[in-house]
Every structure is written in C-alpha cells, then in structure tokens.
Amino acid sequence: MKRTIPEILAEWFYRLPDGYAIPPYNNTELQVLSKILTELLIDPKPILESLRGDMPIKEAPEDYIPDTSIDTSPAVATTNLHETFYALALAYIIKFNASSLTPMSYQEFIEIAESTGDLLKNSESTIQNAVNHIATVKHVSAKNAKKQGQKKGDTIYLKDGKTTTIFKKQWQDAFSSAYATKIAIDRLYEPTDYLQSYRVESGVELGVADDVVSIKLKDSTKDDIWVSLKYGTGQFGSLSVGKLLEKMYGFSLEVADSNYDGILNYAYSSIPGGKNAIDGALQAYVSGINTWIDETTNSEQGLPEEVMEILNNPRWERQTNNVDWDPTWNNLGRSNGAAYLYRKVYSEMNTANGGASYKQEAIAKRAKLIHPLLNSVFEELETKGRSEDLTDFISYILRADPKNEDKSYLYVAKGGKSIVSLPSQKMIKSKIATGFEIELGPMKMGKKGKELGDYARDLYLKGDGNLLCTIPIFLRFTDGQWTSDYGQKGKAPTFTTAFEEFFGAAVKGKSPSEL
C-alpha cells in the first residue's frame, strides 16, 4: 500500500518516545524511520543519507577506549556480548518503549548504550566491557572470516567503524529476546515499575542467571527476575550423563581402577560385548583416516597444507588400524597427543579433498556398534526402576538452584520465541509428589530407518496426564571425535502451555517467593 509523505511522518512520530522529531535527527529516530520505510518496501538508504546530512559528525567518545590487552576467544566473546547486548536492549526498551533497534556503527552503539542511563546497572563498566570485545576480538578461523567477507585477523564486530553482520545478528537476537522478556514479565508479574537490568558478572553466583531484571510489584516490594539467556536455539545448560543417570536411577558410572567415569568407559568394562564394539568403532575411525592420508598423499592434489602441518608435528604418531581404545588409545593424549592430532586431521577431511566418504563410513560404523550398548544401559536401568524421589532429577534437568529453593527464573532462547517461567526447587518438590510421571522415548532413527550418527531419544515429562515438556537426550563426544567420552549435548526442552500451569512457576502479580 502506498503512503503519502504526511502519512509516513505521522507513523514515524507516533512510534517515537517524544511523539515528534526535529533536525538534526539522532540515530534512534532514524532507526525508527528506517524500519517504517522498509515495511513499506521503500529503500531507506537515500532518504536516511539525506537526513543524516544535517547531523554533525562526531568522534568516538574518549571515555570508552578499548582494552587491547584482552585475549578472548570468539566463542567467549559471543556469550559475553550477547548477555551484555540483552541487558542494554532491555534497559533501552524500558526507557523508550522501543520494539526494534540495530546499531549501524560503533558510534551509534555507544549513543544507544549511554542513553539507557541508570536503567542499566553498572552502566560504565558494562559498556566498557562491551567495547573491549567489539573493538578487539578477531577472527581466528580463515574459513569463518571468509563467510563474513573478511580475513583471518580482522575484527569480528567492526569494519571501518561500521557494525558487521555478526554484530547485527547477535544484537538482534538479544534485542528481540529482551522485548519478549518484558512482555512475559508484564504477563506473569504485572509490575508497577521496571527498576534496572544488568548482566551477571563473572564470579557472581546467582544460580543459572545470566541477566537480571529488577521490578517493583503491586505491593511496592522489589523483586529480581533471573534470566537464563541462550543465543539462538542454545543448549539447556551443561548436563552430565553421569548425574542424569545417578539422579534418575540412582546409578553410578564409576568403574573400579579406572582413570575416569563415563558411559563409554562403563560400557567398555561392564557390558558384554562392549570392548569389541568400542574397539571396532575406533578402528573404523583410525583406519579411515590412515587410508585417506595414504591415498591423498599419492594423489595429484596431495594433502592439504593444514594436514601436512599436523603430520609434521613431533607429537604425531601413526596408529595401527587395529588399535585398542583402552588403554592404548586413551594413553595417547586426548588434549594434545596423537589422539588429539588424529581428531585435527579428521576435521580437515571434506568432500573437496575426498575425505567426506571416510568420515561417513566411520560415523555409520560407530553408530551401528555403540548405539546398541547405550540402549542396553538404558533398558537395564528402566527395568530396575527410577529413584523414589525425582525432585533432584527434575531440579537438575530444569536447572533449579538448590541454594535458592524459592527462586524461579525465566528461560529465554531463540530470540525470545522460546520463553518460559521455570519453577523453583520447592515448587518442583511440591508438584511431583502426585500426578507426575516420566516417560523415556525410543531411540531415534534417521531417514529410511538408518541410525543417526549420534545417540538420540527423548524424555517426556507429564503432569495430570498432560505433556509438560520434551527433553532431548543427545549423546555424542563432548570434545571432538574420540578425544573424550560421550556427554549430553541435547538442545533445549520444548515446553507446552501446560508446563507453567502445572508447576505454578509464576502467576500474575506475584513473585515466585510469594507462592
């Protein structure tokens, strides 16, 4: 639908906090206009460029000078910045009632951050922390950098003072998560006021909370809403296979005279046929890598440069195709020895260099040999029965804080599309005594009945006969191929509308501590 200029201006002013805008327009005002023009299928760029001509050019503020001494990995930076972006965005949403906003430059980010004022707790240190990551964290992978039109060593979040695609993606996820959070808090608590938002700093123990929103309730009391924030789909916290089995079945994976505990280690030592199965799966992996190295070395293409560097490493030690998993393989050095270097070679094998088929064969063999072992573990435990009191198990699954038995929290993922109020440990204990059950689903299969590469099945939590949530059990190597035992790497649970109602995690106008 075409709009006249007066109609566009009217919509623009309607969406602004002050209800109007006069030149020189600030970045926030222009962001709102850009969104409106985009919605109307009008290219905003020439219009915004024209309007920006009235704006004085500002230098980056001297107050926030990046600390170039920090040495942070891109993965850590992603977590830190996403949590910081969320706190900033929520403070901005509270103050300006904004529904969308994306900083297009470093300068604009600073202006947005500073505009939140006291609504952002520890404002200066929070902004400085963000600046340190934005301005200094660099690409360490040439492959990942190339995807962004950059090179290894380029800063990830800024290019010529402009925010990059990665910056915008993380910011938009955080902003939409913050927007959805405010809607959820309005629904669950009906606060009379929002006081502050902030990121939980490293070293501060607040259970699962990554961020906190402080609100005022109808009775004028203050309440801090804990938020467990995930970027994208995210995993639902780090769950130990050993603890899952211990809390659900009262079963321990401990093996006498063993250097470590793990489900593969248990199966290798304690399940009939376990040794032959795991040795066979490992041998398929090692022999596939060895064969690929030999064939590629003698090919016209030759081995990739990255692989040659690995093979020339003094720690490289070629293994026989019939190597045993324990003790031989486990003594090769999981973190930096030959086992680790085999993993590095494996990661370089792809379709272009002819390595993909060997990887697929190794994965298929591993699934065929190891999955039945894992099935036998679960079947044996199901036969023996569950723990009498599942409070600790459900609390562990849902990440309830045992040190704060009355504290519930909000779980936020998928840019706010997945948001649910999760119960405190005390709520869990009171509800699972009656009308609660757990069902373990069958092992999942792939297309045409083929086994998946990793071991997967679902856990169903039910209350009063209704499905409350589905928890994916997804077992795979926790730290790369054959350099670790299997761990739980499942995605976040899928919650139904019955979940909050059953557990009473939060109700309108009341904090969890009042329930």
Protein backbone atom coordinates (compact mmCIF):
# COMPACT_ATOMS: atom_id res chain seq x y z
CA MET A 1 0.00 0.00 0.00
CA LYS A 2 1.43 3.37 -0.98
CA ARG A 3 1.69 6.01 1.70
CA THR A 4 1.88 9.78 1.36
CA ILE A 5 4.73 11.68 2.98
CA PRO A 6 2.41 13.14 5.67
CA GLU A 7 1.20 9.59 6.49
CA ILE A 8 4.79 8.32 6.79
CA LEU A 9 5.72 11.26 9.02
CA ALA A 10 2.67 10.67 11.18
CA GLU A 11 3.59 6.99 11.65
CA TRP A 12 7.20 7.94 12.37
CA PHE A 13 6.31 10.48 15.07
CA TYR A 14 3.75 8.07 16.55
CA ARG A 15 6.47 5.48 17.17
CA LEU A 16 8.94 7.92 18.74
CA PRO A 17 9.06 8.32 22.55
CA ASP A 18 8.56 12.09 22.36
CA GLY A 19 5.93 11.93 19.63
CA TYR A 20 7.94 14.16 17.25
CA ALA A 21 11.42 14.70 15.77
CA ILE A 22 13.28 17.82 14.71
CA PRO A 23 16.63 18.14 12.90
CA PRO A 24 19.37 17.27 13.49
CA TYR A 25 17.84 13.78 13.93
CA ASN A 26 19.58 11.34 16.24
CA ASN A 27 20.36 7.74 15.37
CA THR A 28 17.48 6.33 17.36
CA GLU A 29 14.96 8.46 15.47
CA LEU A 30 16.45 7.48 12.13
CA GLN A 31 16.40 3.80 13.06
CA VAL A 32 12.65 4.00 13.65
CA LEU A 33 12.13 5.75 10.32
CA SER A 34 14.27 3.15 8.54
CA LYS A 35 12.09 0.36 9.89
CA ILE A 36 8.92 2.09 8.71
CA LEU A 37 10.32 2.66 5.21
CA THR A 38 11.46 -0.95 4.98
CA GLU A 39 7.99 -2.16 6.00
CA LEU A 40 6.57 -0.06 3.16
CA LEU A 41 9.08 -1.57 0.68
CA ILE A 42 10.81 1.81 0.30
CA ASP A 43 14.61 1.84 0.15
CA PRO A 44 15.56 3.81 3.29
CA LYS A 45 19.21 4.38 2.36
CA PRO A 46 18.94 7.53 0.16
CA ILE A 47 16.38 9.11 2.49
CA LEU A 48 18.47 8.44 5.60
CA GLU A 49 21.64 9.66 3.89
CA SER A 50 19.86 12.89 3.06
CA LEU A 51 18.62 13.34 6.61
CA ARG A 52 21.98 12.43 8.11
CA GLY A 53 23.48 15.32 6.19
CA ASP A 54 22.04 17.58 8.84
CA MET A 55 23.82 15.70 11.59
CA PRO A 56 27.19 16.87 12.86
CA ILE A 57 29.99 14.33 12.58
CA LYS A 58 31.00 13.09 15.99
CA GLU A 59 34.16 11.42 17.05
CA ALA A 60 34.01 8.26 19.09
CA PRO A 61 33.76 9.13 22.78
CA GLU A 62 37.07 9.27 24.61
CA ASP A 63 35.50 7.76 27.71
CA TYR A 64 35.46 4.27 26.23
CA ILE A 65 38.88 3.26 24.95
CA PRO A 66 39.14 -0.44 24.04
CA ASP A 67 41.46 -2.51 26.19
CA THR A 68 43.70 -4.12 23.56
CA SER A 69 45.35 -6.37 26.13
CA ILE A 70 42.35 -8.71 26.40
CA ASP A 71 42.75 -12.15 24.88
CA THR A 72 39.29 -13.57 24.40
CA SER A 73 38.16 -16.31 22.02
CA PRO A 74 35.30 -15.59 19.59
CA ALA A 75 33.15 -18.16 21.42
CA VAL A 76 33.60 -16.45 24.79
CA ALA A 77 33.05 -13.05 23.19
CA THR A 78 29.77 -14.27 21.70
CA THR A 79 28.44 -15.27 25.11
CA ASN A 80 29.65 -12.12 26.89
CA LEU A 81 28.40 -9.73 24.23
CA HIS A 82 25.03 -11.43 23.79
CA GLU A 83 24.36 -11.17 27.52
CA THR A 84 25.56 -7.55 27.56
CA PHE A 85 23.51 -6.66 24.48
CA TYR A 86 20.47 -8.14 26.19
CA ALA A 87 20.91 -6.02 29.32
CA LEU A 88 21.45 -2.90 27.21
CA ALA A 89 18.50 -3.65 24.97
CA LEU A 90 16.13 -4.31 27.86
CA ALA A 91 17.10 -1.05 29.55
CA TYR A 92 16.54 0.79 26.26
CA ILE A 93 13.16 -0.92 25.72
CA ILE A 94 12.05 0.01 29.22
CA LYS A 95 13.07 3.64 28.78
CA PHE A 96 11.89 4.32 25.24
CA ASN A 97 9.22 1.65 24.71
CA ALA A 98 11.11 0.61 21.57
CA SER A 99 10.21 -2.51 19.56
CA SER A 100 13.26 -2.66 17.27
CA LEU A 101 16.68 -1.08 17.00
CA THR A 102 20.01 -2.02 15.44
CA PRO A 103 23.24 -0.01 15.83
CA MET A 104 24.81 0.50 12.42
CA SER A 105 28.15 1.85 13.72
CA TYR A 106 30.36 1.87 16.77
CA GLN A 107 29.38 5.47 17.48
CA GLU A 108 25.70 4.63 17.31
CA PHE A 109 26.14 1.69 19.70
CA ILE A 110 27.79 3.99 22.25
CA GLU A 111 24.99 6.53 21.92
CA ILE A 112 22.36 3.83 22.44
CA ALA A 113 24.20 2.38 25.43
CA GLU A 114 24.67 5.76 27.09
CA SER A 115 21.02 6.70 26.54
CA THR A 116 19.88 3.93 28.92
CA GLY A 117 21.16 5.92 31.88
CA ASP A 118 20.50 4.48 35.34
CA LEU A 119 18.21 1.77 33.95
CA LEU A 120 21.37 -0.14 33.08
CA LYS A 121 23.05 -1.15 36.32
CA ASN A 122 26.82 -0.70 36.41
CA SER A 123 26.47 1.23 33.18
CA GLU A 124 30.06 2.37 32.69
CA SER A 125 31.70 -0.99 33.38
CA THR A 126 29.08 -2.80 31.25
CA ILE A 127 29.61 -0.51 28.27
CA GLN A 128 33.39 -0.69 28.67
CA ASN A 129 33.27 -4.48 28.71
CA ALA A 130 31.23 -4.45 25.51
CA VAL A 131 33.61 -2.00 23.85
CA ASN A 132 36.60 -4.19 24.73
CA HIS A 133 35.08 -7.15 22.90
CA ILE A 134 33.57 -5.24 19.99
CA ALA A 135 36.76 -3.42 19.11
CA THR A 136 39.38 -6.11 19.75
CA VAL A 137 38.09 -9.67 19.20
CA LYS A 138 39.37 -11.02 15.88
CA HIS A 139 38.68 -13.89 13.52
CA VAL A 140 40.89 -16.88 14.32
CA SER A 141 39.46 -19.04 11.54
CA ALA A 142 40.06 -18.11 7.90
CA LYS A 143 37.04 -20.18 6.92
CA ASN A 144 34.65 -18.35 9.25
CA ALA A 145 36.12 -14.97 8.31
CA LYS A 146 35.60 -15.66 4.61
CA LYS A 147 31.89 -16.31 5.22
CA GLN A 148 31.64 -12.74 6.51
CA GLY A 149 33.62 -11.25 3.64
CA GLN A 150 36.59 -10.77 5.97
CA LYS A 151 40.03 -12.23 6.56
CA LYS A 152 41.64 -14.07 9.44
CA GLY A 153 42.84 -11.44 11.92
CA ASP A 154 40.09 -8.91 11.08
CA THR A 155 37.93 -7.67 13.94
CA ILE A 156 34.72 -9.68 14.09
CA TYR A 157 32.25 -6.99 15.11
CA LEU A 158 33.50 -3.84 13.38
CA LYS A 159 34.71 -2.98 9.90
CA ASP A 160 35.72 0.63 9.18
CA GLY A 161 33.71 1.76 12.19
CA LYS A 162 30.53 0.03 10.97
CA THR A 163 28.93 -2.92 12.69
CA THR A 164 29.34 -6.23 10.88
CA THR A 165 26.79 -8.90 10.02
CA ILE A 166 27.84 -10.94 13.05
CA PHE A 167 27.35 -7.94 15.34
CA LYS A 168 23.88 -7.28 13.92
CA LYS A 169 22.85 -10.94 14.20
CA GLN A 170 23.84 -11.18 17.86
CA TRP A 171 22.37 -7.79 18.70
CA GLN A 172 19.04 -8.52 17.00
CA ASP A 173 18.75 -11.86 18.82
CA ALA A 174 19.45 -10.12 22.13
CA PHE A 175 17.06 -7.24 21.40
CA SER A 176 14.16 -9.48 20.38
CA SER A 177 14.86 -11.66 23.44
CA ALA A 178 14.72 -8.59 25.67
CA TYR A 179 11.50 -7.40 24.05
CA ALA A 180 9.87 -10.81 24.58
CA THR A 181 11.13 -10.86 28.17
CA LYS A 182 9.37 -7.60 29.01
CA ILE A 183 6.13 -8.94 27.54
CA ALA A 184 6.49 -12.11 29.64
CA ILE A 185 7.23 -10.19 32.84
CA ASP A 186 4.24 -7.93 32.19
CA ARG A 187 2.11 -11.06 31.85
CA LEU A 188 3.48 -13.04 34.77
CA TYR A 189 4.11 -10.35 37.37
CA GLU A 190 2.17 -7.23 36.34
CA PRO A 191 4.92 -4.94 37.74
CA THR A 192 4.17 -1.33 38.56
CA ASP A 193 7.66 -0.29 37.50
CA TYR A 194 10.90 -1.54 35.98
CA LEU A 195 13.94 -0.52 38.01
CA GLN A 196 17.05 -1.86 36.27
CA SER A 197 18.53 -4.56 34.09
CA TYR A 198 22.04 -5.93 34.25
CA ARG A 199 24.33 -8.74 33.19
CA VAL A 200 25.58 -11.07 35.90
CA GLU A 201 29.33 -10.59 36.02
CA SER A 202 31.81 -13.43 36.16
CA GLY A 203 32.37 -14.68 39.69
CA VAL A 204 28.93 -13.62 40.92
CA GLU A 205 26.83 -16.61 41.98
CA LEU A 206 23.19 -16.21 41.01
CA GLY A 207 22.29 -19.76 40.08
CA VAL A 208 21.59 -20.10 36.36
CA ALA A 209 21.07 -16.36 35.87
CA ASP A 210 22.94 -14.68 33.02
CA ASP A 211 20.98 -11.45 33.33
CA VAL A 212 18.68 -9.91 35.94
CA VAL A 213 15.67 -7.61 35.66
CA SER A 214 14.66 -5.69 38.80
CA ILE A 215 10.97 -4.80 39.07
CA LYS A 216 8.54 -3.26 41.56
CA LEU A 217 5.43 -5.31 42.37
CA LYS A 218 1.95 -4.08 43.21
CA ASP A 219 2.68 -4.27 46.92
CA SER A 220 5.67 -1.90 46.33
CA THR A 221 8.20 -4.65 47.08
CA LYS A 222 11.20 -5.15 44.82
CA ASP A 223 11.83 -8.45 43.03
CA ASP A 224 14.77 -9.58 40.92
CA ILE A 225 13.82 -11.73 37.94
CA TRP A 226 16.58 -14.15 36.99
CA VAL A 227 17.02 -14.79 33.29
CA SER A 228 18.82 -17.76 31.77
CA LEU A 229 19.66 -16.47 28.31
CA LYS A 230 20.67 -18.53 25.28
CA TYR A 231 21.87 -17.26 21.93
CA GLY A 232 19.80 -18.80 19.15
CA THR A 233 18.46 -22.26 19.97
CA GLY A 234 21.17 -22.90 22.54
CA GLN A 235 21.58 -25.88 24.76
CA PHE A 236 19.80 -26.11 28.07
CA GLY A 237 22.84 -25.85 30.23
CA SER A 238 25.64 -28.34 30.58
CA LEU A 239 24.13 -31.63 31.72
CA SER A 240 26.33 -34.51 32.86
CA VAL A 241 25.36 -38.00 31.66
CA GLY A 242 26.63 -39.39 34.95
CA LYS A 243 24.47 -37.05 37.02
CA LEU A 244 21.42 -37.69 34.82
CA LEU A 245 21.68 -41.43 35.42
CA GLU A 246 22.53 -41.02 39.09
CA LYS A 247 19.60 -38.72 39.84
CA MET A 248 17.07 -40.58 37.67
CA TYR A 249 18.01 -44.17 38.51
CA GLY A 250 20.36 -43.99 41.49
CA PHE A 251 23.02 -45.49 39.24
CA SER A 252 26.74 -44.68 39.12
CA LEU A 253 29.02 -44.91 36.07
CA GLU A 254 32.06 -45.43 38.29
CA VAL A 255 34.39 -48.21 37.15
CA ALA A 256 36.89 -49.67 39.60
CA ASP A 257 40.56 -48.94 38.87
CA SER A 258 39.63 -46.53 36.06
CA ASN A 259 41.11 -43.11 35.45
CA TYR A 260 37.75 -41.51 34.71
CA ASP A 261 33.99 -42.10 34.68
CA GLY A 262 31.93 -42.06 31.50
CA ILE A 263 29.24 -44.06 29.75
CA LEU A 264 31.61 -45.41 27.08
CA ASN A 265 34.12 -46.37 29.74
CA TYR A 266 31.36 -48.13 31.67
CA ALA A 267 30.11 -49.96 28.58
CA TYR A 268 33.67 -50.97 27.63
CA SER A 269 34.31 -52.52 31.03
CA SER A 270 30.90 -53.72 32.17
CA ILE A 271 28.60 -54.51 29.22
CA PRO A 272 29.01 -57.87 27.43
CA GLY A 273 30.49 -57.20 24.00
CA GLY A 274 31.29 -53.62 24.94
CA LYS A 275 35.04 -53.90 24.43
CA ASN A 276 34.77 -55.41 20.95
CA ALA A 277 32.14 -52.87 19.89
CA ILE A 278 34.03 -49.77 21.01
CA ASP A 279 37.37 -51.09 19.72
CA GLY A 280 35.71 -51.79 16.37
CA ALA A 281 34.22 -48.30 16.13
CA LEU A 282 37.58 -46.69 16.98
CA GLN A 283 39.40 -48.88 14.45
CA ALA A 284 36.99 -47.81 11.70
CA TYR A 285 37.80 -44.19 12.56
CA VAL A 286 41.61 -44.66 12.65
CA SER A 287 41.79 -46.88 9.56
CA GLY A 288 39.64 -44.41 7.59
CA ILE A 289 41.97 -41.54 8.44
CA ASN A 290 45.08 -43.63 7.69
CA THR A 291 43.70 -44.75 4.32
CA TRP A 292 42.71 -41.22 3.36
CA ILE A 293 46.19 -39.91 4.27
CA ASP A 294 47.86 -42.60 2.16
CA GLU A 295 45.62 -42.17 -0.85
CA THR A 296 45.68 -38.38 -0.78
CA THR A 297 49.47 -38.24 -0.30
CA ASN A 298 49.91 -40.16 -3.54
CA SER A 299 47.26 -38.23 -5.45
CA GLU A 300 47.82 -35.36 -7.82
CA GLN A 301 46.11 -32.98 -5.44
CA GLY A 302 48.18 -34.02 -2.43
CA LEU A 303 47.39 -33.43 1.23
CA PRO A 304 46.09 -30.03 2.36
CA GLU A 305 48.66 -27.72 3.90
CA GLU A 306 46.87 -27.83 7.26
CA VAL A 307 47.16 -31.64 7.35
CA MET A 308 50.83 -31.57 6.41
CA GLU A 309 51.46 -29.30 9.41
CA ILE A 310 49.76 -31.86 11.65
CA LEU A 311 51.74 -34.80 10.27
CA ASN A 312 54.99 -32.88 10.75
CA ASN A 313 54.14 -32.22 14.41
CA PRO A 314 56.60 -34.09 16.67
CA ARG A 315 53.65 -35.40 18.66
CA TRP A 316 52.13 -37.12 15.60
CA GLU A 317 52.32 -40.89 15.95
CA ARG A 318 50.68 -43.03 13.30
CA GLN A 319 48.49 -45.72 14.84
CA THR A 320 47.82 -49.22 13.57
CA ASN A 321 44.39 -49.93 12.17
CA ASN A 322 43.67 -52.44 14.95
CA VAL A 323 44.40 -50.09 17.88
CA ASP A 324 42.55 -50.77 21.16
CA TRP A 325 40.54 -47.99 22.79
CA ASP A 326 41.74 -48.76 26.29
CA PRO A 327 44.41 -48.43 27.43
CA THR A 328 46.39 -47.78 24.22
CA TRP A 329 44.29 -45.04 22.63
CA ASN A 330 43.39 -43.34 25.90
CA ASN A 331 47.06 -43.08 26.79
CA LEU A 332 47.96 -41.25 23.56
CA GLY A 333 46.97 -37.82 24.85
CA ARG A 334 43.42 -36.61 24.46
CA SER A 335 44.21 -32.90 24.72
CA ASN A 336 47.47 -32.61 22.83
CA GLY A 337 48.87 -36.02 21.91
CA ALA A 338 48.40 -38.36 18.96
CA ALA A 339 44.68 -38.92 19.68
CA TYR A 340 44.16 -35.16 19.55
CA LEU A 341 46.10 -34.86 16.28
CA TYR A 342 44.01 -37.60 14.68
CA ARG A 343 40.99 -35.53 15.60
CA LYS A 344 42.60 -32.49 13.93
CA VAL A 345 43.19 -34.45 10.70
CA TYR A 346 39.61 -35.72 10.82
CA SER A 347 38.28 -32.15 11.00
CA GLU A 348 40.14 -31.26 7.77
CA MET A 349 38.61 -34.12 5.77
CA ASN A 350 35.82 -32.94 3.45
CA THR A 351 34.12 -33.55 0.12
CA ALA A 352 36.59 -31.43 -1.84
CA ASN A 353 39.63 -33.44 -0.72
CA GLY A 354 37.91 -36.82 -0.81
CA GLY A 355 37.72 -37.26 2.95
CA ALA A 356 33.95 -36.97 3.46
CA SER A 357 33.19 -40.58 2.47
CA TYR A 358 35.69 -41.93 5.03
CA LYS A 359 34.11 -39.78 7.73
CA GLN A 360 30.62 -41.02 6.85
CA GLU A 361 31.77 -44.64 6.99
CA ALA A 362 33.39 -44.11 10.41
CA ILE A 363 30.27 -42.40 11.79
CA ALA A 364 27.97 -45.14 10.46
CA LYS A 365 30.17 -47.87 11.95
CA ARG A 366 30.30 -46.07 15.30
CA ALA A 367 26.52 -45.76 15.44
CA LYS A 368 25.97 -49.41 14.47
CA LEU A 369 28.36 -50.70 17.13
CA ILE A 370 27.90 -48.26 20.03
CA HIS A 371 24.18 -47.43 19.95
CA PRO A 372 23.13 -50.96 20.99
CA LEU A 373 25.45 -50.67 24.00
CA LEU A 374 23.79 -47.43 25.08
CA ASN A 375 20.36 -48.97 24.55
CA SER A 376 21.30 -51.86 26.83
CA VAL A 377 22.37 -49.42 29.58
CA PHE A 378 19.04 -47.57 29.49
CA GLU A 379 16.98 -50.79 29.19
CA GLU A 380 18.72 -52.31 32.21
CA LEU A 381 18.13 -49.18 34.27
CA GLU A 382 14.49 -48.90 33.19
CA THR A 383 13.95 -52.50 34.29
CA LYS A 384 15.43 -51.78 37.74
CA GLY A 385 13.22 -48.68 38.09
CA ARG A 386 13.53 -44.97 38.83
CA SER A 387 14.57 -43.21 42.01
CA GLU A 388 11.75 -42.92 44.53
CA ASP A 389 12.06 -39.13 44.82
CA LEU A 390 12.73 -37.43 41.48
CA THR A 391 12.98 -33.91 42.90
CA ASP A 392 16.74 -33.78 42.47
CA PHE A 393 16.48 -35.17 38.94
CA ILE A 394 13.85 -32.66 37.76
CA SER A 395 15.62 -29.83 39.56
CA TYR A 396 18.84 -30.77 37.77
CA ILE A 397 17.14 -31.03 34.38
CA LEU A 398 15.37 -27.69 34.79
CA ARG A 399 18.44 -26.07 36.41
CA ALA A 400 16.64 -25.05 39.61
CA ASP A 401 19.08 -23.50 42.08
CA PRO A 402 19.49 -25.73 45.17
CA LYS A 403 20.98 -22.80 47.12
CA ASN A 404 17.84 -20.72 46.49
CA GLU A 405 14.97 -23.17 46.89
CA ASP A 406 12.31 -20.48 46.44
CA LYS A 407 13.78 -18.93 43.29
CA SER A 408 12.24 -19.47 39.87
CA TYR A 409 13.65 -17.96 36.69
CA LEU A 410 12.87 -17.16 33.07
CA TYR A 411 14.44 -19.25 30.33
CA VAL A 412 14.84 -17.24 27.12
CA ALA A 413 16.09 -18.61 23.78
CA LYS A 414 15.55 -18.35 20.01
CA GLY A 415 15.46 -14.58 20.11
CA GLY A 416 12.57 -14.64 22.60
CA LYS A 417 10.44 -17.10 20.61
CA SER A 418 11.08 -19.64 23.35
CA ILE A 419 10.44 -18.16 26.77
CA VAL A 420 9.07 -19.89 29.83
CA SER A 421 8.97 -19.40 33.58
CA LEU A 422 10.76 -22.33 35.22
CA PRO A 423 9.93 -23.44 38.76
CA SER A 424 12.00 -23.31 41.92
CA GLN A 425 13.18 -26.46 43.63
CA LYS A 426 10.49 -26.08 46.29
CA MET A 427 7.77 -25.85 43.61
CA ILE A 428 9.12 -28.93 41.89
CA LYS A 429 9.10 -30.97 45.10
CA SER A 430 5.52 -30.00 45.90
CA LYS A 431 4.20 -30.86 42.42
CA ILE A 432 5.91 -34.12 41.50
CA ALA A 433 4.61 -35.94 44.58
CA THR A 434 1.32 -36.57 42.77
CA GLY A 435 0.11 -36.51 39.17
CA PHE A 436 3.61 -36.53 37.72
CA GLU A 437 5.32 -39.08 35.50
CA ILE A 438 8.36 -39.50 33.25
CA GLU A 439 8.38 -41.45 30.00
CA LEU A 440 11.54 -42.43 28.12
CA GLY A 441 11.02 -42.47 24.35
CA PRO A 442 12.64 -44.95 21.92
CA MET A 443 16.00 -44.43 20.25
CA LYS A 444 15.59 -42.09 17.30
CA MET A 445 16.35 -43.22 13.78
CA GLY A 446 17.22 -41.24 10.68
CA LYS A 447 15.74 -41.31 7.18
CA LYS A 448 14.74 -44.72 5.83
CA GLY A 449 15.36 -46.32 9.22
CA LYS A 450 19.10 -45.59 9.19
CA GLU A 451 20.81 -44.97 12.50
CA LEU A 452 21.68 -41.40 13.38
CA GLY A 453 25.35 -40.57 13.81
CA ASP A 454 24.76 -39.67 17.46
CA TYR A 455 22.61 -41.39 20.05
CA ALA A 456 19.27 -39.64 20.49
CA ARG A 457 16.00 -40.26 22.32
CA ASP A 458 13.51 -38.05 24.13
CA LEU A 459 12.45 -37.78 27.75
CA TYR A 460 8.82 -36.77 28.30
CA LEU A 461 7.66 -35.02 31.47
CA LYS A 462 3.93 -35.33 32.10
CA GLY A 463 1.63 -33.85 34.73
CA ASP A 464 -2.01 -34.73 35.39
CA GLY A 465 -1.93 -36.74 32.17
CA ASN A 466 -0.74 -33.79 30.05
CA LEU A 467 2.60 -33.47 28.28
CA LEU A 468 4.57 -30.72 30.03
CA CYS A 469 7.81 -30.74 28.09
CA THR A 470 10.02 -32.85 25.87
CA ILE A 471 13.70 -33.09 26.83
CA PRO A 472 16.06 -34.27 24.08
CA ILE A 473 18.67 -36.81 25.16
CA PHE A 474 21.51 -36.46 22.68
CA LEU A 475 24.74 -38.29 23.44
CA ARG A 476 27.93 -37.61 21.49
CA PHE A 477 31.61 -36.92 22.07
CA THR A 478 31.84 -33.87 24.31
CA ASP A 479 35.15 -32.62 22.97
CA GLY A 480 35.66 -33.81 19.42
CA GLN A 481 35.93 -37.24 17.86
CA TRP A 482 37.46 -39.90 20.09
CA THR A 483 39.23 -37.48 22.45
CA SER A 484 36.53 -37.63 25.13
CA ASP A 485 33.71 -39.79 26.41
CA TYR A 486 30.07 -39.30 25.43
CA GLY A 487 28.20 -36.42 27.05
CA GLN A 488 24.75 -34.92 26.92
CA LYS A 489 24.61 -32.36 24.08
CA GLY A 490 20.85 -32.13 23.67
CA LYS A 491 19.04 -29.00 22.60
CA ALA A 492 16.74 -27.12 24.92
CA PRO A 493 13.45 -28.74 26.03
CA THR A 494 10.24 -28.00 24.19
CA PHE A 495 7.66 -26.71 26.65
CA THR A 496 3.90 -26.95 26.27
CA THR A 497 1.36 -24.43 27.51
CA ALA A 498 0.55 -26.82 30.36
CA PHE A 499 4.04 -26.53 31.85
CA GLU A 500 3.74 -23.20 33.68
CA GLU A 501 0.22 -24.02 34.82
CA PHE A 502 1.24 -27.38 36.30
CA PHE A 503 4.31 -26.14 38.17
CA GLY A 504 2.92 -22.71 39.02
CA ALA A 505 6.27 -21.18 38.24
CA ALA A 506 4.82 -17.69 38.33
CA VAL A 507 1.39 -16.09 38.44
CA LYS A 508 0.10 -12.63 37.73
CA GLY A 509 1.08 -10.04 40.23
CA LYS A 510 3.10 -12.41 42.45
CA SER A 511 6.74 -13.29 42.56
CA PRO A 512 7.80 -16.92 42.92
CA SER A 513 8.86 -16.28 46.50
CA GLU A 514 5.25 -15.44 47.40
CA LEU A 515 3.85 -18.75 46.18
